[in-house]
């Protein structure tokens, strides 16, 4: 899979629509080769953000995270375009 590292975030809080906040540290933001998909890579997990046709952003991971995302920084929205 071809990926492009776009940013490193020291601290980031992913806000899900249902009220959950996921705080992560030292995250690499990676653009996937597929359109409308980026990965937040940390140690030992990865959270994938996907945008659907209605421009809603969903987060999921193997850790059991799944849900609609409330807000992400503008640069992530641009990567998901």
Protein backbone atom coordinates (compact mmCIF):
# COMPACT_ATOMS: atom_id res chain seq x y z
CA UNK A 1 0.00 0.00 0.00
CA UNK A 2 1.40 3.38 -1.00
CA UNK A 3 1.14 5.98 1.75
CA UNK A 4 2.32 9.51 2.28
CA UNK A 5 3.05 10.85 5.77
CA UNK A 6 1.48 14.29 5.98
CA UNK A 7 1.87 15.44 9.58
CA UNK A 8 3.04 14.56 13.06
CA UNK A 9 0.80 15.52 15.96
CA UNK A 10 2.15 15.61 19.51
CA UNK A 11 -1.35 15.71 21.02
CA UNK A 12 -4.72 15.27 19.38
CA UNK A 13 -8.26 14.68 20.62
CA UNK A 14 -10.61 12.90 18.26
CA UNK A 15 -14.18 13.92 19.09
CA UNK A 16 -16.86 11.40 18.17
CA UNK A 17 -20.46 12.47 17.69
CA UNK A 18 -21.77 10.28 20.52
CA UNK A 19 -19.75 12.28 23.06
CA UNK A 20 -16.61 10.12 23.28
CA UNK A 21 -13.26 11.88 23.15
CA UNK A 22 -10.18 9.84 22.23
CA UNK A 23 -6.93 11.49 23.30
CA UNK A 24 -3.85 10.34 21.43
CA UNK A 25 -0.19 11.37 21.51
CA UNK A 26 2.62 11.27 18.95
CA UNK A 27 0.39 10.45 15.98
CA UNK A 28 1.46 10.26 12.36
CA UNK A 29 -1.26 11.42 9.95
CA UNK A 30 -0.93 9.30 6.80
CA UNK A 31 -2.85 9.76 3.53
CA UNK A 32 -3.93 6.42 2.06
CA UNK A 33 -3.66 5.77 -1.67
CA UNK A 34 -7.45 5.44 -1.69
CA UNK A 35 -9.40 8.69 -1.88
CA UNK A 36 -11.36 9.83 1.15
CA UNK A 37 -9.22 7.86 3.64
CA UNK A 38 -6.45 8.79 6.10
CA UNK A 39 -4.83 6.90 8.97
CA UNK A 40 -3.82 8.17 12.40
CA UNK A 41 -0.91 5.90 13.28
CA UNK A 42 0.31 5.58 16.83
CA UNK A 43 1.92 2.90 18.90
CA UNK A 44 0.37 0.26 19.11
CA UNK A 45 -2.82 1.30 17.26
CA UNK A 46 -4.14 2.84 14.08
CA UNK A 47 -7.38 4.80 13.65
CA UNK A 48 -8.73 5.17 10.12
CA UNK A 49 -10.83 8.16 9.09
CA UNK A 50 -13.11 7.77 6.07
CA UNK A 51 -15.38 10.32 4.40
CA UNK A 52 -18.61 9.19 2.75
CA UNK A 53 -20.56 10.70 -0.16
CA UNK A 54 -22.45 13.01 2.19
CA UNK A 55 -19.11 14.42 3.47
CA UNK A 56 -19.54 12.83 6.91
CA UNK A 57 -16.35 11.53 8.50
CA UNK A 58 -16.29 8.17 10.26
CA UNK A 59 -13.55 6.74 12.49
CA UNK A 60 -12.83 3.06 13.02
CA UNK A 61 -10.07 0.87 14.37
CA UNK A 62 -9.34 -2.66 15.54
CA UNK A 63 -9.60 -1.36 19.12
CA UNK A 64 -13.37 -1.18 18.79
CA UNK A 65 -13.65 2.48 17.88
CA UNK A 66 -16.41 3.15 15.40
CA UNK A 67 -18.48 6.27 14.98
CA UNK A 68 -19.24 9.52 13.29
CA UNK A 69 -16.58 12.18 13.94
CA UNK A 70 -17.75 15.53 15.27
CA UNK A 71 -14.83 17.67 14.07
CA UNK A 72 -11.30 17.33 12.69
CA UNK A 73 -8.71 19.97 11.78
CA UNK A 74 -9.05 21.62 8.36
CA UNK A 75 -5.92 19.97 6.97
CA UNK A 76 -7.46 16.52 7.63
CA UNK A 77 -10.66 17.53 5.83
CA UNK A 78 -8.53 18.56 2.83
CA UNK A 79 -6.72 15.20 2.90
CA UNK A 80 -10.07 13.42 2.89
CA UNK A 81 -11.19 15.30 -0.27
